[in-house]
Amino acid sequence: MIRNEVSNVIRTLIWFIYFCLYLLSVIPVWLRLKRLAKQGREDEVDDLLFTEVRKWARSLLNLAGAKVSLDGAEHVPATGPVLFVCNHQGYFDIPLLLGYVHKPMAFIAKAETKKIPIISSWMTMMKCVFMKRNNLRQSFEAIEEGSRILKAGHSLVIFPEGTRSKSCQMGPFKPGSLKLALQAQVPIVPITINGTYKLMERQGFLIRQAEVNLTIAEPILPQEETTA
């Protein structure tokens, strides 16, 4: 038992050191992305961004000791934007989605993440939308911005619960969670995550190995949602 706890502490320290060093190591990639964006080479930006973020996300999961299983990968549309609607168990949900859903995506994220150095710059490049959860007017503006991003051809992820459940229980959906898909008229792809809270949230910030499952359901067309 003590040996396992010591092992988890060491794993956690290594993980956080790696996390920080990796962000510093990809600064040259970030600068290249900035140059490509300034030149208007959006397709190259999207391809490079997707490749780098996917690689980073998988490395974080591997180092944490996550044993990932994926079901329903064939349900992700090969073309066109979609709104991924997903439950939110823990911090590792984001690298899980980025690493294992084969489609470039951005997130509807809480406004506080915009204050995090380096990470916020990558999120902005990915076209993430920052939302103040307790500000009704700003939430409406975020939905409008998200709708514009979807209409421009970029996929988004929303966590309708609005916060991490830190367990296998799903919290209530926030009002207006699916307005994005209805406004932009894009398919909704439901995703269920199970087990990410066991990697960290169940024991504070101490990382432990865990089995994690990602299940992707068939897309729901917006017309179906409006009549449901």
Protein backbone atom coordinates (compact mmCIF):
# COMPACT_ATOMS: atom_id res chain seq x y z
CA MET A 1 0.00 0.00 0.00
CA ILE A 2 2.73 2.46 0.99
CA ARG A 3 4.75 1.42 -2.05
CA ASN A 4 1.76 2.14 -4.31
CA GLU A 5 1.28 5.58 -2.77
CA VAL A 6 4.95 6.44 -3.20
CA SER A 7 4.71 5.27 -6.81
CA ASN A 8 1.68 7.51 -7.37
CA VAL A 9 3.46 10.52 -5.86
CA ILE A 10 6.46 9.94 -8.14
CA ARG A 11 4.18 9.51 -11.16
CA THR A 12 2.38 12.74 -10.32
CA LEU A 13 5.62 14.73 -9.96
CA ILE A 14 6.97 13.35 -13.24
CA TRP A 15 3.66 14.10 -14.97
CA PHE A 16 3.53 17.75 -13.89
CA ILE A 17 7.20 18.31 -14.75
CA TYR A 18 6.64 16.76 -18.17
CA PHE A 19 3.50 18.86 -18.68
CA CYS A 20 5.41 22.10 -18.09
CA LEU A 21 8.50 21.12 -20.08
CA TYR A 22 6.40 19.98 -23.03
CA LEU A 23 4.65 23.35 -23.22
CA LEU A 24 8.05 25.05 -23.35
CA SER A 25 9.41 22.61 -25.93
CA VAL A 26 6.65 23.35 -28.44
CA ILE A 27 7.13 27.12 -28.44
CA PRO A 28 8.86 26.84 -31.87
CA VAL A 29 5.76 25.04 -33.17
CA TRP A 30 3.58 27.79 -31.74
CA LEU A 31 5.67 30.44 -33.51
CA ARG A 32 5.35 28.53 -36.77
CA LEU A 33 1.58 28.36 -36.31
CA LYS A 34 1.51 32.13 -35.78
CA ARG A 35 3.45 32.68 -39.02
CA LEU A 36 1.15 30.38 -40.97
CA ALA A 37 -1.92 32.11 -39.55
CA LYS A 38 -0.54 35.54 -40.45
CA GLN A 39 0.00 34.29 -44.01
CA GLY A 40 -3.61 33.11 -44.19
CA ARG A 41 -2.67 29.43 -44.57
CA GLU A 42 -5.54 28.22 -42.41
CA ASP A 43 -5.58 24.63 -43.69
CA GLU A 44 -1.92 24.19 -42.74
CA VAL A 45 -2.60 25.75 -39.34
CA ASP A 46 -5.46 23.33 -38.70
CA ASP A 47 -3.45 20.27 -39.79
CA LEU A 48 -0.37 21.14 -37.73
CA LEU A 49 -2.44 22.14 -34.72
CA PHE A 50 -4.42 18.88 -34.83
CA THR A 51 -1.25 16.79 -35.12
CA GLU A 52 0.60 18.52 -32.28
CA VAL A 53 -2.33 18.69 -29.87
CA ARG A 54 -3.24 15.04 -30.49
CA LYS A 55 0.35 13.94 -29.83
CA TRP A 56 0.53 16.04 -26.65
CA ALA A 57 -2.82 14.75 -25.35
CA ARG A 58 -1.94 11.08 -25.86
CA SER A 59 1.42 11.52 -24.18
CA LEU A 60 -0.27 12.99 -21.09
CA LEU A 61 -2.63 10.03 -20.85
CA ASN A 62 0.14 7.50 -21.37
CA LEU A 63 2.31 9.07 -18.69
CA ALA A 64 -0.63 9.15 -16.28
CA GLY A 65 -1.10 5.41 -16.75
CA ALA A 66 -4.49 5.62 -18.45
CA LYS A 67 -5.64 2.43 -20.18
CA VAL A 68 -7.96 3.81 -22.84
CA SER A 69 -10.68 1.91 -24.67
CA LEU A 70 -12.61 3.53 -27.52
CA ASP A 71 -16.03 2.54 -28.85
CA GLY A 72 -17.94 4.07 -31.76
CA ALA A 73 -15.07 5.84 -33.53
CA GLU A 74 -16.90 5.20 -36.81
CA HIS A 75 -19.71 7.53 -35.70
CA VAL A 76 -17.57 10.66 -36.05
CA PRO A 77 -18.50 12.30 -39.39
CA ALA A 78 -15.50 12.43 -41.72
CA THR A 79 -16.44 15.86 -43.07
CA GLY A 80 -18.22 18.95 -41.82
CA PRO A 81 -18.44 20.52 -38.37
CA VAL A 82 -20.24 18.88 -35.45
CA LEU A 83 -21.07 19.73 -31.86
CA PHE A 84 -19.69 17.10 -29.50
CA VAL A 85 -21.83 16.91 -26.35
CA CYS A 86 -20.00 15.16 -23.54
CA ASN A 87 -20.25 14.44 -19.83
CA HIS A 88 -17.46 15.90 -17.71
CA GLN A 89 -15.86 13.71 -15.03
CA GLY A 90 -12.43 15.26 -14.65
CA TYR A 91 -9.47 17.22 -16.00
CA PHE A 92 -8.34 14.28 -18.14
CA ASP A 93 -11.54 14.47 -20.23
CA ILE A 94 -9.93 17.12 -22.42
CA PRO A 95 -6.75 15.23 -23.38
CA LEU A 96 -8.89 12.10 -23.83
CA LEU A 97 -11.09 13.85 -26.39
CA LEU A 98 -8.17 15.57 -28.11
CA GLY A 99 -6.15 12.37 -28.28
CA TYR A 100 -8.76 9.83 -29.31
CA VAL A 101 -11.52 11.57 -31.29
CA HIS A 102 -10.20 11.78 -34.82
CA LYS A 103 -11.46 15.25 -35.67
CA PRO A 104 -10.05 18.71 -34.93
CA MET A 105 -12.08 20.41 -32.20
CA ALA A 106 -12.24 23.34 -29.85
CA PHE A 107 -13.96 23.68 -26.50
CA ILE A 108 -16.53 25.84 -24.78
CA ALA A 109 -14.35 26.58 -21.75
CA LYS A 110 -14.76 28.50 -18.52
CA ALA A 111 -13.43 32.06 -18.70
CA GLU A 112 -10.85 31.42 -15.97
CA THR A 113 -8.77 29.26 -18.33
CA LYS A 114 -8.05 32.35 -20.43
CA LYS A 115 -5.74 33.54 -17.63
CA ILE A 116 -3.47 30.46 -17.81
CA PRO A 117 -0.17 31.36 -19.55
CA ILE A 118 0.75 29.47 -22.75
CA ILE A 119 -2.27 27.14 -22.55
CA SER A 120 -4.66 30.02 -23.23
CA SER A 121 -2.66 30.93 -26.35
CA TRP A 122 -3.05 27.41 -27.70
CA MET A 123 -6.76 27.44 -26.83
CA THR A 124 -7.23 30.70 -28.71
CA MET A 125 -5.44 29.25 -31.73
CA MET A 126 -7.77 26.24 -31.54
CA LYS A 127 -10.74 28.66 -31.58
CA CYS A 128 -11.97 27.81 -28.09
CA VAL A 129 -14.81 29.92 -26.72
CA PHE A 130 -14.43 31.31 -23.20
CA MET A 131 -17.62 31.57 -21.16
CA LYS A 132 -18.37 33.20 -17.81
CA ARG A 133 -20.73 30.65 -16.35
CA ASN A 134 -22.53 32.99 -13.94
CA ASN A 135 -22.91 35.87 -16.40
CA LEU A 136 -26.10 35.42 -18.44
CA ARG A 137 -25.25 38.11 -21.00
CA GLN A 138 -21.73 36.80 -21.55
CA SER A 139 -23.04 33.23 -21.79
CA PHE A 140 -25.40 34.32 -24.56
CA GLU A 141 -22.53 36.03 -26.37
CA ALA A 142 -20.43 32.87 -26.04
CA ILE A 143 -23.22 30.81 -27.60
CA GLU A 144 -23.39 33.28 -30.49
CA GLU A 145 -19.62 33.09 -30.97
CA GLY A 146 -19.72 29.31 -30.83
CA SER A 147 -22.46 29.27 -33.44
CA ARG A 148 -20.33 31.41 -35.77
CA ILE A 149 -17.37 29.05 -35.30
CA LEU A 150 -19.53 26.03 -36.15
CA LYS A 151 -20.94 27.77 -39.22
CA ALA A 152 -17.37 28.53 -40.32
CA GLY A 153 -16.68 24.79 -40.41
CA HIS A 154 -14.97 24.12 -37.06
CA SER A 155 -16.19 21.51 -34.56
CA LEU A 156 -16.80 22.31 -30.90
CA VAL A 157 -17.09 20.38 -27.65
CA ILE A 158 -19.49 21.41 -24.92
CA PHE A 159 -19.85 19.94 -21.44
CA PRO A 160 -23.55 20.59 -20.67
CA GLU A 161 -23.06 19.95 -16.94
CA GLY A 162 -20.90 23.07 -16.84
CA THR A 163 -18.38 21.62 -14.41
CA ARG A 164 -16.61 18.38 -13.45
CA SER A 165 -18.71 15.79 -11.65
CA LYS A 166 -15.54 14.21 -10.15
CA SER A 167 -17.42 10.90 -10.13
CA CYS A 168 -19.35 8.50 -12.34
CA GLN A 169 -22.56 10.45 -11.66
CA MET A 170 -23.81 12.90 -14.27
CA GLY A 171 -24.95 16.34 -13.15
CA PRO A 172 -27.92 18.30 -14.54
CA PHE A 173 -27.49 20.00 -17.91
CA LYS A 174 -27.26 23.78 -17.95
CA PRO A 175 -30.07 25.57 -19.83
CA GLY A 176 -29.29 26.34 -23.47
CA SER A 177 -26.53 23.75 -23.79
CA LEU A 178 -27.71 22.56 -27.20
CA LYS A 179 -28.64 25.95 -28.69
CA LEU A 180 -25.29 25.98 -30.49
CA ALA A 181 -26.21 23.01 -32.67
CA LEU A 182 -29.70 24.31 -33.34
CA GLN A 183 -28.47 27.76 -34.36
CA ALA A 184 -25.66 26.46 -36.56
CA GLN A 185 -27.68 23.49 -37.89
CA VAL A 186 -24.88 20.98 -37.37
CA PRO A 187 -25.06 17.36 -36.17
CA ILE A 188 -24.82 16.65 -32.45
CA VAL A 189 -22.44 13.80 -31.59
CA PRO A 190 -23.04 12.50 -28.03
CA ILE A 191 -19.97 11.22 -26.19
CA THR A 192 -19.83 9.35 -22.90
CA ILE A 193 -16.65 9.31 -20.82
CA ASN A 194 -16.17 6.91 -17.95
CA GLY A 195 -13.21 6.60 -15.60
CA THR A 196 -11.22 9.82 -16.01
CA TYR A 197 -12.10 10.96 -12.48
CA LYS A 198 -10.21 7.90 -11.20
CA LEU A 199 -6.99 9.24 -12.74
CA MET A 200 -6.96 12.34 -10.55
CA GLU A 201 -10.14 13.76 -9.00
CA ARG A 202 -10.84 10.79 -6.74
CA GLN A 203 -7.63 11.51 -4.80
CA GLY A 204 -7.17 15.26 -5.22
CA PHE A 205 -4.24 16.04 -7.50
CA LEU A 206 -2.53 12.69 -7.03
CA ILE A 207 -2.45 10.77 -10.32
CA ARG A 208 -3.16 7.04 -10.34
CA GLN A 209 -3.47 4.47 -13.10
CA ALA A 210 -7.02 3.79 -14.26
CA GLU A 211 -9.07 2.25 -17.04
CA VAL A 212 -10.85 4.89 -19.10
CA ASN A 213 -13.59 4.41 -21.70
CA LEU A 214 -14.69 6.78 -24.44
CA THR A 215 -17.95 5.91 -26.21
CA ILE A 216 -19.11 7.86 -29.27
CA ALA A 217 -22.79 7.57 -30.23
CA GLU A 218 -24.39 8.08 -33.62
CA PRO A 219 -24.86 11.71 -34.72
CA ILE A 220 -28.21 13.38 -34.10
CA LEU A 221 -29.36 15.74 -36.82
CA PRO A 222 -30.57 19.14 -35.55
CA GLN A 223 -34.00 18.58 -37.13
CA GLU A 224 -34.37 15.43 -35.01
CA GLU A 225 -33.41 17.37 -31.89
CA THR A 226 -35.93 20.16 -32.52
CA THR A 227 -38.80 17.70 -32.86
CA ALA A 228 -37.74 15.58 -29.87
